[in-house]
Amino acid sequence: MPYLKVLTLNSNKVSSLSGLKQSSLKCLSLNDNNISQLICESDNNSSFKDNYFNGIDCPELMALSICSNNLININNISQVSINLSVLYLSRNKIQNLKGLKDLINLERLHLRSNHITKLDGFNEKMKKLKYLNIRENRIDNIKELKKLKCLSSLKILVVKSNNFNDNNENTNNRMNILNMLPWLKRLDKDEVTKNEKDNIEYEETDDAYSNIEIDSSIGNEEELIFEDQDF
């Protein structure tokens, strides 16, 4: 199918992406399947292994949704396509974010309801990432969010219902996060107010952000926050 651009395989029994080869595919949805690993390991006892394509070849893929599966890690995510700009991985069992570093075209990343405790995996090459949802994970220490300081284009961050704010006792959490990431436009579902911007305490290394202009072209909440929705 050389001209196939959109493929939806939700609610089937797909177990991996191994063997997927679609040169024109741009949008792939695999929600509610049995995917526990992106690429299956080769079976050395298979009689047809020499003729079986075990990898993934979708060079044009830009939008991928693998929600409500059994993924534990995303180590091979860049092998799916380095051109991914939208990635939905909510409601899995992902424990770490190793594998993200090569997704330099990523603009939106949804990781709601996983088992993430640490935010290692992001880097300064991810200059296009504007929206990040890490709601309902297992982040104990709010200081983990400092690892997002490399995301200079990040405008919308969703972090509620993590361990550091589950009890909603610490009313300073919001300002603590804004102090760490002063360029945010929206935190959770509330826009950053002028008063909050005026009260941000910039660290010496953040002086360059004190006069930053927020890009209004990012759009509104309805356009960018797709929690519990397929694309």
C-alpha atoms as a PDB file:
ATOM      1  CA  MET A   1       0.000   0.000   0.000  1.00  0.00           C
ATOM      2  CA  PRO A   2       2.428   2.694  -1.152  1.00  0.00           C
ATOM      3  CA  TYR A   3      -0.104   5.540  -0.814  1.00  0.00           C
ATOM      4  CA  LEU A   4      -1.526   4.714   2.629  1.00  0.00           C
ATOM      5  CA  LYS A   5      -1.294   7.798   4.873  1.00  0.00           C
ATOM      6  CA  VAL A   6      -3.628   7.084   7.815  1.00  0.00           C
ATOM      7  CA  LEU A   7      -3.976   3.731   9.569  1.00  0.00           C
ATOM      8  CA  THR A   8      -6.187   3.002  12.602  1.00  0.00           C
ATOM      9  CA  LEU A   9      -5.899  -0.385  14.315  1.00  0.00           C
ATOM     10  CA  ASN A  10      -7.454   0.372  17.685  1.00  0.00           C
ATOM     11  CA  SER A  11      -8.903  -2.400  19.866  1.00  0.00           C
ATOM     12  CA  ASN A  12      -7.309  -5.367  18.160  1.00  0.00           C
ATOM     13  CA  LYS A  13      -4.652  -7.826  19.360  1.00  0.00           C
ATOM     14  CA  VAL A  14      -1.559  -6.130  17.974  1.00  0.00           C
ATOM     15  CA  SER A  15       1.481  -7.047  20.095  1.00  0.00           C
ATOM     16  CA  SER A  16       4.279  -5.000  18.473  1.00  0.00           C
ATOM     17  CA  LEU A  17       5.150  -2.788  15.512  1.00  0.00           C
ATOM     18  CA  SER A  18       7.636  -5.268  14.084  1.00  0.00           C
ATOM     19  CA  GLY A  19       7.307  -5.760  10.342  1.00  0.00           C
ATOM     20  CA  LEU A  20       5.468  -2.486   9.729  1.00  0.00           C
ATOM     21  CA  LYS A  21       6.605  -1.076   6.409  1.00  0.00           C
ATOM     22  CA  GLN A  22       4.645   1.816   4.917  1.00  0.00           C
ATOM     23  CA  SER A  23       6.627   4.427   3.041  1.00  0.00           C
ATOM     24  CA  SER A  24       3.858   7.085   2.946  1.00  0.00           C
ATOM     25  CA  LEU A  25       2.188   6.525   6.323  1.00  0.00           C
ATOM     26  CA  LYS A  26       1.805   9.746   8.319  1.00  0.00           C
ATOM     27  CA  CYS A  27      -0.671   8.897  11.069  1.00  0.00           C
ATOM     28  CA  LEU A  28      -0.918   5.606  12.999  1.00  0.00           C
ATOM     29  CA  SER A  29      -3.268   4.767  15.880  1.00  0.00           C
ATOM     30  CA  LEU A  30      -2.817   1.541  17.878  1.00  0.00           C
ATOM     31  CA  ASN A  31      -4.762   2.273  21.036  1.00  0.00           C
ATOM     32  CA  ASP A  32      -6.158  -0.502  23.226  1.00  0.00           C
ATOM     33  CA  ASN A  33      -4.021  -3.367  21.961  1.00  0.00           C
ATOM     34  CA  ASN A  34      -1.515  -5.748  23.581  1.00  0.00           C
ATOM     35  CA  ILE A  35       1.716  -3.946  22.716  1.00  0.00           C
ATOM     36  CA  SER A  36       4.389  -4.534  25.349  1.00  0.00           C
ATOM     37  CA  GLN A  37       7.422  -3.797  23.177  1.00  0.00           C
ATOM     38  CA  LEU A  38       7.792  -1.725  20.039  1.00  0.00           C
ATOM     39  CA  ILE A  39      10.004  -4.217  18.230  1.00  0.00           C
ATOM     40  CA  CYS A  40       9.977  -7.953  18.953  1.00  0.00           C
ATOM     41  CA  GLU A  41      13.292  -9.684  19.397  1.00  0.00           C
ATOM     42  CA  SER A  42      14.208 -12.025  16.567  1.00  0.00           C
ATOM     43  CA  ASP A  43      13.346 -15.663  17.073  1.00  0.00           C
ATOM     44  CA  ASN A  44      16.465 -17.647  16.252  1.00  0.00           C
ATOM     45  CA  ASN A  45      14.420 -20.806  15.934  1.00  0.00           C
ATOM     46  CA  SER A  46      12.098 -19.363  13.318  1.00  0.00           C
ATOM     47  CA  SER A  47      12.311 -21.158   9.986  1.00  0.00           C
ATOM     48  CA  PHE A  48      11.372 -18.018   8.088  1.00  0.00           C
ATOM     49  CA  LYS A  49      13.525 -15.515  10.009  1.00  0.00           C
ATOM     50  CA  ASP A  50      15.816 -14.886   7.024  1.00  0.00           C
ATOM     51  CA  ASN A  51      12.866 -13.632   4.971  1.00  0.00           C
ATOM     52  CA  TYR A  52      11.059 -11.782   7.741  1.00  0.00           C
ATOM     53  CA  PHE A  53      11.439  -8.015   8.143  1.00  0.00           C
ATOM     54  CA  ASN A  54      11.587  -7.510  11.913  1.00  0.00           C
ATOM     55  CA  GLY A  55      12.114  -3.754  11.938  1.00  0.00           C
ATOM     56  CA  ILE A  56       9.918  -0.745  11.231  1.00  0.00           C
ATOM     57  CA  ASP A  57      10.091   1.319   8.066  1.00  0.00           C
ATOM     58  CA  CYS A  58       7.762   4.326   8.194  1.00  0.00           C
ATOM     59  CA  PRO A  59      10.010   7.301   7.365  1.00  0.00           C
ATOM     60  CA  GLU A  60       7.126   9.761   6.907  1.00  0.00           C
ATOM     61  CA  LEU A  61       5.260   8.918  10.131  1.00  0.00           C
ATOM     62  CA  MET A  62       4.480  12.109  12.053  1.00  0.00           C
ATOM     63  CA  ALA A  63       1.689  11.167  14.475  1.00  0.00           C
ATOM     64  CA  LEU A  64       1.603   7.983  16.572  1.00  0.00           C
ATOM     65  CA  SER A  65      -0.802   6.889  19.301  1.00  0.00           C
ATOM     66  CA  ILE A  66      -0.164   3.763  21.399  1.00  0.00           C
ATOM     67  CA  CYS A  67      -2.411   4.491  24.376  1.00  0.00           C
ATOM     68  CA  SER A  68      -3.850   1.839  26.710  1.00  0.00           C
ATOM     69  CA  ASN A  69      -1.279  -0.840  25.953  1.00  0.00           C
ATOM     70  CA  ASN A  70       1.403  -2.539  28.057  1.00  0.00           C
ATOM     71  CA  LEU A  71       4.552  -0.653  27.087  1.00  0.00           C
ATOM     72  CA  ILE A  72       7.217  -0.710  29.799  1.00  0.00           C
ATOM     73  CA  ASN A  73       9.855   1.305  27.932  1.00  0.00           C
ATOM     74  CA  ILE A  74      10.254   3.274  24.725  1.00  0.00           C
ATOM     75  CA  ASN A  75      13.906   2.493  24.080  1.00  0.00           C
ATOM     76  CA  ASN A  76      13.315   1.851  20.359  1.00  0.00           C
ATOM     77  CA  ILE A  77      10.903   4.713  19.702  1.00  0.00           C
ATOM     78  CA  SER A  78      13.278   6.533  17.343  1.00  0.00           C
ATOM     79  CA  GLN A  79      13.358   3.447  15.112  1.00  0.00           C
ATOM     80  CA  VAL A  80       9.679   3.975  14.397  1.00  0.00           C
ATOM     81  CA  SER A  81      10.341   7.390  12.841  1.00  0.00           C
ATOM     82  CA  ILE A  82      12.599  10.297  13.746  1.00  0.00           C
ATOM     83  CA  ASN A  83      10.031  12.581  12.091  1.00  0.00           C
ATOM     84  CA  LEU A  84       7.444  12.073  14.836  1.00  0.00           C
ATOM     85  CA  SER A  85       5.902  15.379  15.877  1.00  0.00           C
ATOM     86  CA  VAL A  86       2.930  14.049  17.888  1.00  0.00           C
ATOM     87  CA  LEU A  87       3.275  11.084  20.233  1.00  0.00           C
ATOM     88  CA  TYR A  88       0.518   9.683  22.491  1.00  0.00           C
ATOM     89  CA  LEU A  89       1.621   7.068  25.043  1.00  0.00           C
ATOM     90  CA  SER A  90      -0.877   7.518  27.863  1.00  0.00           C
ATOM     91  CA  ARG A  91      -2.132   4.665  30.029  1.00  0.00           C
ATOM     92  CA  ASN A  92       0.814   2.313  29.627  1.00  0.00           C
ATOM     93  CA  LYS A  93       3.386   1.079  32.160  1.00  0.00           C
ATOM     94  CA  ILE A  94       6.336   3.158  30.983  1.00  0.00           C
ATOM     95  CA  GLN A  95       8.955   3.501  33.714  1.00  0.00           C
ATOM     96  CA  ASN A  96      11.613   5.682  32.078  1.00  0.00           C
ATOM     97  CA  LEU A  97      12.050   7.946  29.073  1.00  0.00           C
ATOM     98  CA  LYS A  98      15.234   6.566  27.593  1.00  0.00           C
ATOM     99  CA  GLY A  99      14.853   6.647  23.839  1.00  0.00           C
ATOM    100  CA  LEU A 100      13.410  10.142  23.480  1.00  0.00           C
ATOM    101  CA  LYS A 101      16.715  11.854  22.726  1.00  0.00           C
ATOM    102  CA  ASP A 102      16.577  11.384  18.944  1.00  0.00           C
ATOM    103  CA  LEU A 103      13.009  12.654  18.527  1.00  0.00           C
ATOM    104  CA  ILE A 104      14.122  16.170  17.696  1.00  0.00           C
ATOM    105  CA  ASN A 105      10.959  16.972  15.718  1.00  0.00           C
ATOM    106  CA  LEU A 106       8.580  16.197  18.572  1.00  0.00           C
ATOM    107  CA  GLU A 107       6.072  18.966  19.307  1.00  0.00           C
ATOM    108  CA  ARG A 108       3.503  17.232  21.527  1.00  0.00           C
ATOM    109  CA  LEU A 109       4.124  14.388  23.949  1.00  0.00           C
ATOM    110  CA  HIS A 110       1.398  12.721  26.020  1.00  0.00           C
ATOM    111  CA  LEU A 111       2.576  10.439  28.837  1.00  0.00           C
ATOM    112  CA  ARG A 112      -0.394  10.549  31.197  1.00  0.00           C
ATOM    113  CA  SER A 113      -0.989   7.606  33.539  1.00  0.00           C
ATOM    114  CA  ASN A 114       2.302   5.747  33.349  1.00  0.00           C
ATOM    115  CA  HIS A 115       4.852   4.643  35.978  1.00  0.00           C
ATOM    116  CA  ILE A 116       7.425   7.385  35.389  1.00  0.00           C
ATOM    117  CA  THR A 117       9.503   8.421  38.409  1.00  0.00           C
ATOM    118  CA  LYS A 118      12.408  10.252  36.740  1.00  0.00           C
ATOM    119  CA  LEU A 119      12.514  12.723  33.860  1.00  0.00           C
ATOM    120  CA  ASP A 120      15.858  11.744  32.367  1.00  0.00           C
ATOM    121  CA  GLY A 121      15.677  11.500  28.590  1.00  0.00           C
ATOM    122  CA  PHE A 122      14.954  15.047  27.457  1.00  0.00           C
ATOM    123  CA  ASN A 123      17.710  17.141  25.897  1.00  0.00           C
ATOM    124  CA  GLU A 124      18.375  20.535  24.335  1.00  0.00           C
ATOM    125  CA  LYS A 125      18.009  19.133  20.815  1.00  0.00           C
ATOM    126  CA  MET A 126      14.246  18.822  21.385  1.00  0.00           C
ATOM    127  CA  LYS A 127      13.741  22.448  20.418  1.00  0.00           C
ATOM    128  CA  LYS A 128      10.247  21.975  18.972  1.00  0.00           C
ATOM    129  CA  LEU A 129       8.548  20.399  21.982  1.00  0.00           C
ATOM    130  CA  LYS A 130       5.753  22.757  23.074  1.00  0.00           C
ATOM    131  CA  TYR A 131       3.322  20.512  24.951  1.00  0.00           C
ATOM    132  CA  LEU A 132       4.128  17.863  27.565  1.00  0.00           C
ATOM    133  CA  ASN A 133       1.639  15.880  29.642  1.00  0.00           C
ATOM    134  CA  ILE A 134       3.124  13.842  32.503  1.00  0.00           C
ATOM    135  CA  ARG A 135      -0.017  13.834  34.621  1.00  0.00           C
ATOM    136  CA  GLU A 136      -0.777  10.855  36.892  1.00  0.00           C
ATOM    137  CA  ASN A 137       2.714   9.424  37.040  1.00  0.00           C
ATOM    138  CA  ARG A 138       4.896   8.587  40.046  1.00  0.00           C
ATOM    139  CA  ILE A 139       7.201  11.582  40.339  1.00  0.00           C
ATOM    140  CA  ASP A 140       8.024  12.029  44.031  1.00  0.00           C
ATOM    141  CA  ASN A 141      10.365  14.991  43.902  1.00  0.00           C
ATOM    142  CA  ILE A 142       9.289  18.262  42.305  1.00  0.00           C
ATOM    143  CA  LYS A 143      12.965  18.968  41.561  1.00  0.00           C
ATOM    144  CA  GLU A 144      12.747  16.356  38.791  1.00  0.00           C
ATOM    145  CA  LEU A 145      11.060  19.091  36.755  1.00  0.00           C
ATOM    146  CA  LYS A 146      14.376  20.927  36.599  1.00  0.00           C
ATOM    147  CA  LYS A 147      15.349  18.339  34.005  1.00  0.00           C
ATOM    148  CA  LEU A 148      12.876  20.058  31.668  1.00  0.00           C
ATOM    149  CA  LYS A 149      14.924  23.270  31.656  1.00  0.00           C
ATOM    150  CA  CYS A 150      16.521  22.092  28.412  1.00  0.00           C
ATOM    151  CA  LEU A 151      13.112  22.393  26.669  1.00  0.00           C
ATOM    152  CA  SER A 152      13.286  26.054  25.743  1.00  0.00           C
ATOM    153  CA  SER A 153      10.141  25.954  23.556  1.00  0.00           C
ATOM    154  CA  LEU A 154       7.902  24.261  26.125  1.00  0.00           C
ATOM    155  CA  LYS A 155       4.731  26.306  26.574  1.00  0.00           C
ATOM    156  CA  ILE A 156       2.192  23.916  28.121  1.00  0.00           C
ATOM    157  CA  LEU A 157       3.018  21.486  30.937  1.00  0.00           C
ATOM    158  CA  VAL A 158       0.531  19.162  32.669  1.00  0.00           C
ATOM    159  CA  VAL A 159       1.872  17.654  35.907  1.00  0.00           C
ATOM    160  CA  LYS A 160      -1.033  17.312  38.329  1.00  0.00           C
ATOM    161  CA  SER A 161      -1.757  14.095  40.208  1.00  0.00           C
ATOM    162  CA  ASN A 162       1.868  13.144  40.671  1.00  0.00           C
ATOM    163  CA  ASN A 163       3.177  12.047  44.061  1.00  0.00           C
ATOM    164  CA  PHE A 164       4.682  15.471  44.846  1.00  0.00           C
ATOM    165  CA  ASN A 165       1.304  17.177  44.617  1.00  0.00           C
ATOM    166  CA  ASP A 166      -1.220  14.402  45.210  1.00  0.00           C
ATOM    167  CA  ASN A 167      -2.370  15.850  48.502  1.00  0.00           C
ATOM    168  CA  ASN A 168      -2.601  19.376  47.113  1.00  0.00           C
ATOM    169  CA  GLU A 169      -1.170  20.583  50.422  1.00  0.00           C
ATOM    170  CA  ASN A 170       1.718  22.583  49.007  1.00  0.00           C
ATOM    171  CA  THR A 171       0.211  25.733  47.555  1.00  0.00           C
ATOM    172  CA  ASN A 172       3.677  26.841  46.458  1.00  0.00           C
ATOM    173  CA  ASN A 173       4.103  24.000  43.982  1.00  0.00           C
ATOM    174  CA  ARG A 174       2.803  26.057  41.099  1.00  0.00           C
ATOM    175  CA  MET A 175       5.178  28.951  41.706  1.00  0.00           C
ATOM    176  CA  ASN A 176       8.054  26.560  42.374  1.00  0.00           C
ATOM    177  CA  ILE A 177       7.487  25.055  38.935  1.00  0.00           C
ATOM    178  CA  LEU A 178       7.208  28.472  37.285  1.00  0.00           C
ATOM    179  CA  ASN A 179      10.465  29.502  38.927  1.00  0.00           C
ATOM    180  CA  MET A 180      12.106  26.468  37.373  1.00  0.00           C
ATOM    181  CA  LEU A 181      10.438  26.912  33.966  1.00  0.00           C
ATOM    182  CA  PRO A 182       9.637  30.633  33.661  1.00  0.00           C
ATOM    183  CA  TRP A 183       8.801  30.489  29.952  1.00  0.00           C
ATOM    184  CA  LEU A 184       5.657  28.361  30.433  1.00  0.00           C
ATOM    185  CA  LYS A 185       2.418  29.829  29.114  1.00  0.00           C
ATOM    186  CA  ARG A 186       0.099  27.308  30.756  1.00  0.00           C
ATOM    187  CA  LEU A 187       0.604  25.008  33.745  1.00  0.00           C
ATOM    188  CA  ASP A 188      -1.910  22.212  34.055  1.00  0.00           C
ATOM    189  CA  LYS A 189      -5.160  23.756  32.799  1.00  0.00           C
ATOM    190  CA  ASP A 190      -4.567  27.283  34.048  1.00  0.00           C
ATOM    191  CA  GLU A 191      -2.861  29.973  32.035  1.00  0.00           C
ATOM    192  CA  VAL A 192       0.086  31.673  33.700  1.00  0.00           C
ATOM    193  CA  THR A 193      -1.176  35.034  34.899  1.00  0.00           C
ATOM    194  CA  LYS A 194       0.581  38.375  34.685  1.00  0.00           C
ATOM    195  CA  ASN A 195       0.838  38.447  38.471  1.00  0.00           C
ATOM    196  CA  GLU A 196       2.546  35.058  38.471  1.00  0.00           C
ATOM    197  CA  LYS A 197       4.967  36.195  35.782  1.00  0.00           C
ATOM    198  CA  ASP A 198       5.816  39.273  37.825  1.00  0.00           C
ATOM    199  CA  ASN A 199       6.557  37.121  40.879  1.00  0.00           C
ATOM    200  CA  ILE A 200       8.811  34.615  39.166  1.00  0.00           C
ATOM    201  CA  GLU A 201      12.192  34.427  40.889  1.00  0.00           C
ATOM    202  CA  TYR A 202      14.716  33.995  38.110  1.00  0.00           C
ATOM    203  CA  GLU A 203      17.897  32.133  38.792  1.00  0.00           C
ATOM    204  CA  GLU A 204      21.082  33.737  37.512  1.00  0.00           C
ATOM    205  CA  THR A 205      21.210  31.255  34.639  1.00  0.00           C
ATOM    206  CA  ASP A 206      17.641  32.182  33.708  1.00  0.00           C
ATOM    207  CA  ASP A 207      18.159  35.912  33.245  1.00  0.00           C
ATOM    208  CA  ALA A 208      17.726  35.525  29.519  1.00  0.00           C
ATOM    209  CA  TYR A 209      14.140  34.376  30.053  1.00  0.00           C
ATOM    210  CA  SER A 210      13.030  37.324  32.153  1.00  0.00           C
ATOM    211  CA  ASN A 211      12.164  39.312  29.037  1.00  0.00           C
ATOM    212  CA  ILE A 212      10.987  36.430  26.921  1.00  0.00           C
ATOM    213  CA  GLU A 213       7.966  37.001  24.699  1.00  0.00           C
ATOM    214  CA  ILE A 214       5.421  34.204  24.822  1.00  0.00           C
ATOM    215  CA  ASP A 215       4.487  32.996  21.355  1.00  0.00           C
ATOM    216  CA  SER A 216       0.728  33.443  21.043  1.00  0.00           C
ATOM    217  CA  SER A 217       0.605  31.215  17.971  1.00  0.00           C
ATOM    218  CA  ILE A 218       0.642  28.084  20.096  1.00  0.00           C
ATOM    219  CA  GLY A 219      -3.157  28.110  20.199  1.00  0.00           C
ATOM    220  CA  ASN A 220      -5.738  27.462  22.881  1.00  0.00           C
ATOM    221  CA  GLU A 221      -6.317  24.604  25.269  1.00  0.00           C
ATOM    222  CA  GLU A 222      -8.883  22.910  23.045  1.00  0.00           C
ATOM    223  CA  GLU A 223      -6.360  22.702  20.221  1.00  0.00           C
ATOM    224  CA  LEU A 224      -3.448  21.331  22.227  1.00  0.00           C
ATOM    225  CA  ILE A 225      -4.742  19.426  25.245  1.00  0.00           C
ATOM    226  CA  PHE A 226      -6.130  16.121  24.008  1.00  0.00           C
ATOM    227  CA  GLU A 227      -6.298  14.186  27.240  1.00  0.00           C
ATOM    228  CA  ASP A 228      -8.219  10.936  26.867  1.00  0.00           C
ATOM    229  CA  GLN A 229      -8.660  11.496  23.144  1.00  0.00           C
ATOM    230  CA  ASP A 230      -7.289   9.812  20.042  1.00  0.00           C
ATOM    231  CA  PHE A 231      -5.879  11.973  17.308  1.00  0.00           C
END
